[in-house]
Amino acid sequence: SDWHHAPCILSRNIIFVIMETRTPVQLK
């Protein structure tokens, strides 16, 4: 997304979304 056009606080929050997806959702 165009996160570089977003406010600074909002662009930093995108990092947490990316970190959340680093743990894969797997069928176990």
PDB file of all heavy atoms in Angstrom:
ATOM      1  N   SER A   1       0.840  -1.200   0.000  1.00  0.00           N
ATOM      2  CA  SER A   1       0.000   0.000   0.000  1.00  0.00           C
ATOM      3  C   SER A   1       0.877   1.254   0.000  1.00  0.00           C
ATOM      4  O   SER A   1       2.103   1.180   0.148  1.00  0.00           O
ATOM      5  CB  SER A   1      -0.919  -0.005   1.231  1.00  0.00           C
ATOM      6  OG  SER A   1      -0.130   0.063   2.418  1.00  0.00           O
ATOM      7  N   ASP A   2       0.251   2.390  -0.134  1.00  0.00           N
ATOM      8  CA  ASP A   2       0.985   3.669  -0.135  1.00  0.00           C
ATOM      9  C   ASP A   2       1.263   4.117   1.301  1.00  0.00           C
ATOM     10  O   ASP A   2       0.881   5.208   1.730  1.00  0.00           O
ATOM     11  CB  ASP A   2       0.177   4.731  -0.886  1.00  0.00           C
ATOM     12  CG  ASP A   2       0.022   4.394  -2.358  1.00  0.00           C
ATOM     13  OD1 ASP A   2       0.900   3.691  -2.899  1.00  0.00           O
ATOM     14  OD2 ASP A   2      -0.980   4.815  -2.964  1.00  0.00           O
ATOM     15  N   TRP A   3       1.937   3.251   2.057  1.00  0.00           N
ATOM     16  CA  TRP A   3       2.180   3.555   3.470  1.00  0.00           C
ATOM     17  C   TRP A   3       3.102   4.766   3.651  1.00  0.00           C
ATOM     18  O   TRP A   3       3.054   5.432   4.684  1.00  0.00           O
ATOM     19  CB  TRP A   3       2.783   2.331   4.156  1.00  0.00           C
ATOM     20  CG  TRP A   3       4.068   1.840   3.536  1.00  0.00           C
ATOM     21  CD1 TRP A   3       4.188   0.895   2.576  1.00  0.00           C
ATOM     22  CD2 TRP A   3       5.390   2.282   3.837  1.00  0.00           C
ATOM     23  NE1 TRP A   3       5.490   0.696   2.236  1.00  0.00           N
ATOM     24  CE2 TRP A   3       6.269   1.553   3.011  1.00  0.00           C
ATOM     25  CE3 TRP A   3       5.930   3.227   4.712  1.00  0.00           C
ATOM     26  CZ2 TRP A   3       7.646   1.730   3.034  1.00  0.00           C
ATOM     27  CZ3 TRP A   3       7.297   3.403   4.752  1.00  0.00           C
ATOM     28  CH2 TRP A   3       8.147   2.657   3.911  1.00  0.00           C
ATOM     29  N   HIS A   4       3.944   5.056   2.646  1.00  0.00           N
ATOM     30  CA  HIS A   4       4.852   6.191   2.778  1.00  0.00           C
ATOM     31  C   HIS A   4       4.124   7.530   2.692  1.00  0.00           C
ATOM     32  O   HIS A   4       4.704   8.570   3.026  1.00  0.00           O
ATOM     33  CB  HIS A   4       5.926   6.125   1.686  1.00  0.00           C
ATOM     34  CG  HIS A   4       5.386   5.883   0.309  1.00  0.00           C
ATOM     35  ND1 HIS A   4       5.049   4.625  -0.129  1.00  0.00           N
ATOM     36  CD2 HIS A   4       5.096   6.735  -0.697  1.00  0.00           C
ATOM     37  CE1 HIS A   4       4.596   4.706  -1.376  1.00  0.00           C
ATOM     38  NE2 HIS A   4       4.607   5.978  -1.738  1.00  0.00           N
ATOM     39  N   HIS A   5       2.854   7.510   2.249  1.00  0.00           N
ATOM     40  CA  HIS A   5       2.042   8.726   2.243  1.00  0.00           C
ATOM     41  C   HIS A   5       1.184   8.848   3.494  1.00  0.00           C
ATOM     42  O   HIS A   5       0.471   9.847   3.649  1.00  0.00           O
ATOM     43  CB  HIS A   5       1.130   8.757   1.015  1.00  0.00           C
ATOM     44  CG  HIS A   5       1.900   8.895  -0.268  1.00  0.00           C
ATOM     45  ND1 HIS A   5       1.397   8.449  -1.474  1.00  0.00           N
ATOM     46  CD2 HIS A   5       3.137   9.397  -0.539  1.00  0.00           C
ATOM     47  CE1 HIS A   5       2.285   8.688  -2.435  1.00  0.00           C
ATOM     48  NE2 HIS A   5       3.346   9.269  -1.876  1.00  0.00           N
ATOM     49  N   ALA A   6       1.216   7.841   4.370  1.00  0.00           N
ATOM     50  CA  ALA A   6       0.392   7.833   5.573  1.00  0.00           C
ATOM     51  C   ALA A   6       1.096   8.593   6.689  1.00  0.00           C
ATOM     52  O   ALA A   6       2.311   8.834   6.639  1.00  0.00           O
ATOM     53  CB  ALA A   6       0.115   6.396   6.006  1.00  0.00           C
ATOM     54  N   PRO A   7       0.366   8.987   7.735  1.00  0.00           N
ATOM     55  CA  PRO A   7       1.013   9.599   8.901  1.00  0.00           C
ATOM     56  C   PRO A   7       2.041   8.658   9.520  1.00  0.00           C
ATOM     57  O   PRO A   7       1.982   7.439   9.365  1.00  0.00           O
ATOM     58  CB  PRO A   7      -0.166   9.859   9.853  1.00  0.00           C
ATOM     59  CG  PRO A   7      -1.357   9.945   8.972  1.00  0.00           C
ATOM     60  CD  PRO A   7      -1.097   9.003   7.831  1.00  0.00           C
ATOM     61  N   CYS A   8       2.968   9.244  10.248  1.00  0.00           N
ATOM     62  CA  CYS A   8       4.093   8.472  10.788  1.00  0.00           C
ATOM     63  C   CYS A   8       3.620   7.368  11.728  1.00  0.00           C
ATOM     64  O   CYS A   8       4.125   6.245  11.682  1.00  0.00           O
ATOM     65  CB  CYS A   8       5.051   9.417  11.511  1.00  0.00           C
ATOM     66  SG  CYS A   8       6.540   8.600  12.125  1.00  0.00           S
ATOM     67  N   ILE A   9       2.646   7.674  12.578  1.00  0.00           N
ATOM     68  CA  ILE A   9       2.161   6.665  13.532  1.00  0.00           C
ATOM     69  C   ILE A   9       1.509   5.501  12.791  1.00  0.00           C
ATOM     70  O   ILE A   9       1.720   4.328  13.123  1.00  0.00           O
ATOM     71  CB  ILE A   9       1.159   7.309  14.506  1.00  0.00           C
ATOM     72  CG1 ILE A   9       1.850   8.377  15.343  1.00  0.00           C
ATOM     73  CG2 ILE A   9       0.532   6.257  15.413  1.00  0.00           C
ATOM     74  CD1 ILE A   9       0.924   9.118  16.279  1.00  0.00           C
ATOM     75  N   LEU A  10       0.736   5.798  11.758  1.00  0.00           N
ATOM     76  CA  LEU A  10       0.056   4.754  11.000  1.00  0.00           C
ATOM     77  C   LEU A  10       1.043   3.892  10.230  1.00  0.00           C
ATOM     78  O   LEU A  10       0.896   2.665  10.150  1.00  0.00           O
ATOM     79  CB  LEU A  10      -0.956   5.385  10.046  1.00  0.00           C
ATOM     80  CG  LEU A  10      -1.894   4.428   9.306  1.00  0.00           C
ATOM     81  CD1 LEU A  10      -2.686   3.595  10.290  1.00  0.00           C
ATOM     82  CD2 LEU A  10      -2.819   5.203   8.384  1.00  0.00           C
ATOM     83  N   SER A  11       2.076   4.503   9.654  1.00  0.00           N
ATOM     84  CA  SER A  11       3.078   3.727   8.921  1.00  0.00           C
ATOM     85  C   SER A  11       3.863   2.814   9.843  1.00  0.00           C
ATOM     86  O   SER A  11       4.259   1.718   9.445  1.00  0.00           O
ATOM     87  CB  SER A  11       4.016   4.670   8.173  1.00  0.00           C
ATOM     88  OG  SER A  11       4.701   5.513   9.085  1.00  0.00           O
ATOM     89  N   ARG A  12       4.070   3.234  11.089  1.00  0.00           N
ATOM     90  CA  ARG A  12       4.761   2.357  12.036  1.00  0.00           C
ATOM     91  C   ARG A  12       3.884   1.173  12.424  1.00  0.00           C
ATOM     92  O   ARG A  12       4.399   0.069  12.681  1.00  0.00           O
ATOM     93  CB  ARG A  12       5.166   3.137  13.280  1.00  0.00           C
ATOM     94  CG  ARG A  12       6.344   4.082  13.071  1.00  0.00           C
ATOM     95  CD  ARG A  12       7.002   4.421  14.388  1.00  0.00           C
ATOM     96  NE  ARG A  12       6.048   5.042  15.309  1.00  0.00           N
ATOM     97  CZ  ARG A  12       5.913   6.350  15.467  1.00  0.00           C
ATOM     98  NH1 ARG A  12       6.662   7.187  14.746  1.00  0.00           N
ATOM     99  NH2 ARG A  12       5.037   6.836  16.335  1.00  0.00           N
ATOM    100  N   ASN A  13       2.598   1.380  12.479  1.00  0.00           N
ATOM    101  CA  ASN A  13       1.699   0.280  12.847  1.00  0.00           C
ATOM    102  C   ASN A  13       1.668  -0.825  11.792  1.00  0.00           C
ATOM    103  O   ASN A  13       1.343  -1.977  12.106  1.00  0.00           O
ATOM    104  CB  ASN A  13       0.287   0.821  13.069  1.00  0.00           C
ATOM    105  CG  ASN A  13       0.179   1.654  14.330  1.00  0.00           C
ATOM    106  OD1 ASN A  13       0.991   1.492  15.253  1.00  0.00           O
ATOM    107  ND2 ASN A  13      -0.794   2.540  14.378  1.00  0.00           N
ATOM    108  N   ILE A  14       1.976  -0.464  10.553  1.00  0.00           N
ATOM    109  CA  ILE A  14       2.012  -1.491   9.510  1.00  0.00           C
ATOM    110  C   ILE A  14       3.091  -2.526   9.807  1.00  0.00           C
ATOM    111  O   ILE A  14       2.969  -3.705   9.448  1.00  0.00           O
ATOM    112  CB  ILE A  14       2.231  -0.831   8.134  1.00  0.00           C
ATOM    113  CG1 ILE A  14       1.027   0.048   7.779  1.00  0.00           C
ATOM    114  CG2 ILE A  14       2.450  -1.855   7.039  1.00  0.00           C
ATOM    115  CD1 ILE A  14       1.149   0.763   6.464  1.00  0.00           C
ATOM    116  N   ILE A  15       4.145  -2.100  10.507  1.00  0.00           N
ATOM    117  CA  ILE A  15       5.212  -3.036  10.868  1.00  0.00           C
ATOM    118  C   ILE A  15       4.658  -4.154  11.749  1.00  0.00           C
ATOM    119  O   ILE A  15       5.038  -5.323  11.601  1.00  0.00           O
ATOM    120  CB  ILE A  15       6.352  -2.288  11.580  1.00  0.00           C
ATOM    121  CG1 ILE A  15       6.949  -1.237  10.645  1.00  0.00           C
ATOM    122  CG2 ILE A  15       7.425  -3.262  12.055  1.00  0.00           C
ATOM    123  CD1 ILE A  15       8.017  -0.391  11.287  1.00  0.00           C
ATOM    124  N   PHE A  16       3.742  -3.808  12.640  1.00  0.00           N
ATOM    125  CA  PHE A  16       3.169  -4.832  13.519  1.00  0.00           C
ATOM    126  C   PHE A  16       2.310  -5.824  12.739  1.00  0.00           C
ATOM    127  O   PHE A  16       2.251  -7.015  13.073  1.00  0.00           O
ATOM    128  CB  PHE A  16       2.354  -4.161  14.618  1.00  0.00           C
ATOM    129  CG  PHE A  16       3.171  -3.330  15.565  1.00  0.00           C
ATOM    130  CD1 PHE A  16       3.216  -1.953  15.442  1.00  0.00           C
ATOM    131  CD2 PHE A  16       3.921  -3.935  16.557  1.00  0.00           C
ATOM    132  CE1 PHE A  16       3.973  -1.179  16.306  1.00  0.00           C
ATOM    133  CE2 PHE A  16       4.687  -3.168  17.431  1.00  0.00           C
ATOM    134  CZ  PHE A  16       4.721  -1.794  17.308  1.00  0.00           C
ATOM    135  N   VAL A  17       1.643  -5.345  11.698  1.00  0.00           N
ATOM    136  CA  VAL A  17       0.880  -6.270  10.845  1.00  0.00           C
ATOM    137  C   VAL A  17       1.821  -7.230  10.135  1.00  0.00           C
ATOM    138  O   VAL A  17       1.561  -8.438  10.047  1.00  0.00           O
ATOM    139  CB  VAL A  17       0.042  -5.474   9.828  1.00  0.00           C
ATOM    140  CG1 VAL A  17      -0.693  -6.415   8.885  1.00  0.00           C
ATOM    141  CG2 VAL A  17      -0.954  -4.570  10.545  1.00  0.00           C
ATOM    142  N   ILE A  18       2.928  -6.711   9.644  1.00  0.00           N
ATOM    143  CA  ILE A  18       3.905  -7.564   8.970  1.00  0.00           C
ATOM    144  C   ILE A  18       4.510  -8.574   9.949  1.00  0.00           C
ATOM    145  O   ILE A  18       4.700  -9.751   9.624  1.00  0.00           O
ATOM    146  CB  ILE A  18       4.999  -6.700   8.315  1.00  0.00           C
ATOM    147  CG1 ILE A  18       4.377  -5.795   7.243  1.00  0.00           C
ATOM    148  CG2 ILE A  18       6.085  -7.564   7.696  1.00  0.00           C
ATOM    149  CD1 ILE A  18       5.351  -4.803   6.641  1.00  0.00           C
ATOM    150  N   MET A  19       4.800  -8.122  11.181  1.00  0.00           N
ATOM    151  CA  MET A  19       5.336  -9.036  12.187  1.00  0.00           C
ATOM    152  C   MET A  19       4.335 -10.134  12.542  1.00  0.00           C
ATOM    153  O   MET A  19       4.721 -11.283  12.794  1.00  0.00           O
ATOM    154  CB  MET A  19       5.723  -8.244  13.436  1.00  0.00           C
ATOM    155  CG  MET A  19       6.913  -7.313  13.257  1.00  0.00           C
ATOM    156  SD  MET A  19       7.213  -6.297  14.710  1.00  0.00           S
ATOM    157  CE  MET A  19       7.525  -7.562  15.944  1.00  0.00           C
ATOM    158  N   GLU A  20       3.046  -9.770  12.569  1.00  0.00           N
ATOM    159  CA  GLU A  20       2.021 -10.765  12.886  1.00  0.00           C
ATOM    160  C   GLU A  20       1.957 -11.866  11.835  1.00  0.00           C
ATOM    161  O   GLU A  20       1.717 -13.042  12.154  1.00  0.00           O
ATOM    162  CB  GLU A  20       0.660 -10.074  13.001  1.00  0.00           C
ATOM    163  CG  GLU A  20      -0.493 -10.988  13.394  1.00  0.00           C
ATOM    164  CD  GLU A  20      -0.382 -11.489  14.824  1.00  0.00           C
ATOM    165  OE1 GLU A  20       0.286 -10.826  15.643  1.00  0.00           O
ATOM    166  OE2 GLU A  20      -0.973 -12.548  15.112  1.00  0.00           O
ATOM    167  N   THR A  21       2.174 -11.501  10.583  1.00  0.00           N
ATOM    168  CA  THR A  21       2.108 -12.497   9.505  1.00  0.00           C
ATOM    169  C   THR A  21       3.384 -13.309   9.380  1.00  0.00           C
ATOM    170  O   THR A  21       3.423 -14.243   8.565  1.00  0.00           O
ATOM    171  CB  THR A  21       1.821 -11.798   8.167  1.00  0.00           C
ATOM    172  OG1 THR A  21       2.842 -10.815   7.908  1.00  0.00           O
ATOM    173  CG2 THR A  21       0.466 -11.115   8.203  1.00  0.00           C
ATOM    174  N   ARG A  22       4.418 -12.963  10.130  1.00  0.00           N
ATOM    175  CA  ARG A  22       5.642 -13.767  10.083  1.00  0.00           C
ATOM    176  C   ARG A  22       5.429 -15.140  10.711  1.00  0.00           C
ATOM    177  O   ARG A  22       6.132 -16.095  10.396  1.00  0.00           O
ATOM    178  CB  ARG A  22       6.780 -13.041  10.809  1.00  0.00           C
ATOM    179  CG  ARG A  22       7.222 -11.753  10.140  1.00  0.00           C
ATOM    180  CD  ARG A  22       7.873 -12.025   8.804  1.00  0.00           C
ATOM    181  NE  ARG A  22       9.071 -12.810   8.931  1.00  0.00           N
ATOM    182  CZ  ARG A  22      10.284 -12.338   9.140  1.00  0.00           C
ATOM    183  NH1 ARG A  22      10.451 -11.012   9.256  1.00  0.00           N
ATOM    184  NH2 ARG A  22      11.332 -13.130   9.221  1.00  0.00           N
ATOM    185  N   THR A  23       4.476 -15.219  11.626  1.00  0.00           N
ATOM    186  CA  THR A  23       4.105 -16.516  12.201  1.00  0.00           C
ATOM    187  C   THR A  23       3.046 -17.146  11.303  1.00  0.00           C
ATOM    188  O   THR A  23       1.906 -16.660  11.251  1.00  0.00           O
ATOM    189  CB  THR A  23       3.555 -16.367  13.620  1.00  0.00           C
ATOM    190  OG1 THR A  23       4.533 -15.729  14.438  1.00  0.00           O
ATOM    191  CG2 THR A  23       3.217 -17.727  14.215  1.00  0.00           C
ATOM    192  N   PRO A  24       3.355 -18.201  10.575  1.00  0.00           N
ATOM    193  CA  PRO A  24       2.402 -18.727   9.583  1.00  0.00           C
ATOM    194  C   PRO A  24       1.187 -19.377  10.240  1.00  0.00           C
ATOM    195  O   PRO A  24       1.286 -19.985  11.315  1.00  0.00           O
ATOM    196  CB  PRO A  24       3.241 -19.758   8.807  1.00  0.00           C
ATOM    197  CG  PRO A  24       4.310 -20.175   9.764  1.00  0.00           C
ATOM    198  CD  PRO A  24       4.613 -18.969  10.608  1.00  0.00           C
ATOM    199  N   VAL A  25       0.048 -19.222   9.601  1.00  0.00           N
ATOM    200  CA  VAL A  25      -1.174 -19.912  10.010  1.00  0.00           C
ATOM    201  C   VAL A  25      -1.198 -21.253   9.285  1.00  0.00           C
ATOM    202  O   VAL A  25      -1.375 -21.301   8.068  1.00  0.00           O
ATOM    203  CB  VAL A  25      -2.419 -19.073   9.672  1.00  0.00           C
ATOM    204  CG1 VAL A  25      -3.683 -19.832  10.021  1.00  0.00           C
ATOM    205  CG2 VAL A  25      -2.376 -17.746  10.401  1.00  0.00           C
ATOM    206  N   GLN A  26      -1.016 -22.319  10.022  1.00  0.00           N
ATOM    207  CA  GLN A  26      -0.864 -23.634   9.416  1.00  0.00           C
ATOM    208  C   GLN A  26      -1.909 -24.592   9.938  1.00  0.00           C
ATOM    209  O   GLN A  26      -2.319 -24.528  11.111  1.00  0.00           O
ATOM    210  CB  GLN A  26       0.545 -24.181   9.701  1.00  0.00           C
ATOM    211  CG  GLN A  26       1.657 -23.372   9.073  1.00  0.00           C
ATOM    212  CD  GLN A  26       3.035 -23.870   9.476  1.00  0.00           C
ATOM    213  OE1 GLN A  26       3.215 -24.386  10.576  1.00  0.00           O
ATOM    214  NE2 GLN A  26       4.004 -23.722   8.592  1.00  0.00           N
ATOM    215  N   LEU A  27      -2.321 -25.487   9.061  1.00  0.00           N
ATOM    216  CA  LEU A  27      -3.211 -26.574   9.460  1.00  0.00           C
ATOM    217  C   LEU A  27      -2.359 -27.651  10.123  1.00  0.00           C
ATOM    218  O   LEU A  27      -1.426 -28.176   9.513  1.00  0.00           O
ATOM    219  CB  LEU A  27      -3.933 -27.126   8.234  1.00  0.00           C
ATOM    220  CG  LEU A  27      -4.973 -28.222   8.467  1.00  0.00           C
ATOM    221  CD1 LEU A  27      -6.116 -27.698   9.326  1.00  0.00           C
ATOM    222  CD2 LEU A  27      -5.508 -28.745   7.141  1.00  0.00           C
ATOM    223  N   LYS A  28      -2.685 -27.978  11.372  1.00  0.00           N
ATOM    224  CA  LYS A  28      -1.859 -28.899  12.145  1.00  0.00           C
ATOM    225  C   LYS A  28      -2.671 -30.104  12.581  1.00  0.00           C
ATOM    226  O   LYS A  28      -3.826 -29.971  12.992  1.00  0.00           O
ATOM    227  CB  LYS A  28      -1.273 -28.195  13.371  1.00  0.00           C
ATOM    228  CG  LYS A  28      -0.269 -27.100  13.030  1.00  0.00           C
ATOM    229  CD  LYS A  28       0.332 -26.505  14.290  1.00  0.00           C
ATOM    230  CE  LYS A  28       1.350 -25.428  13.951  1.00  0.00           C
ATOM    231  NZ  LYS A  28       1.948 -24.831  15.173  1.00  0.00           N
TER     232      LYS A  28
END
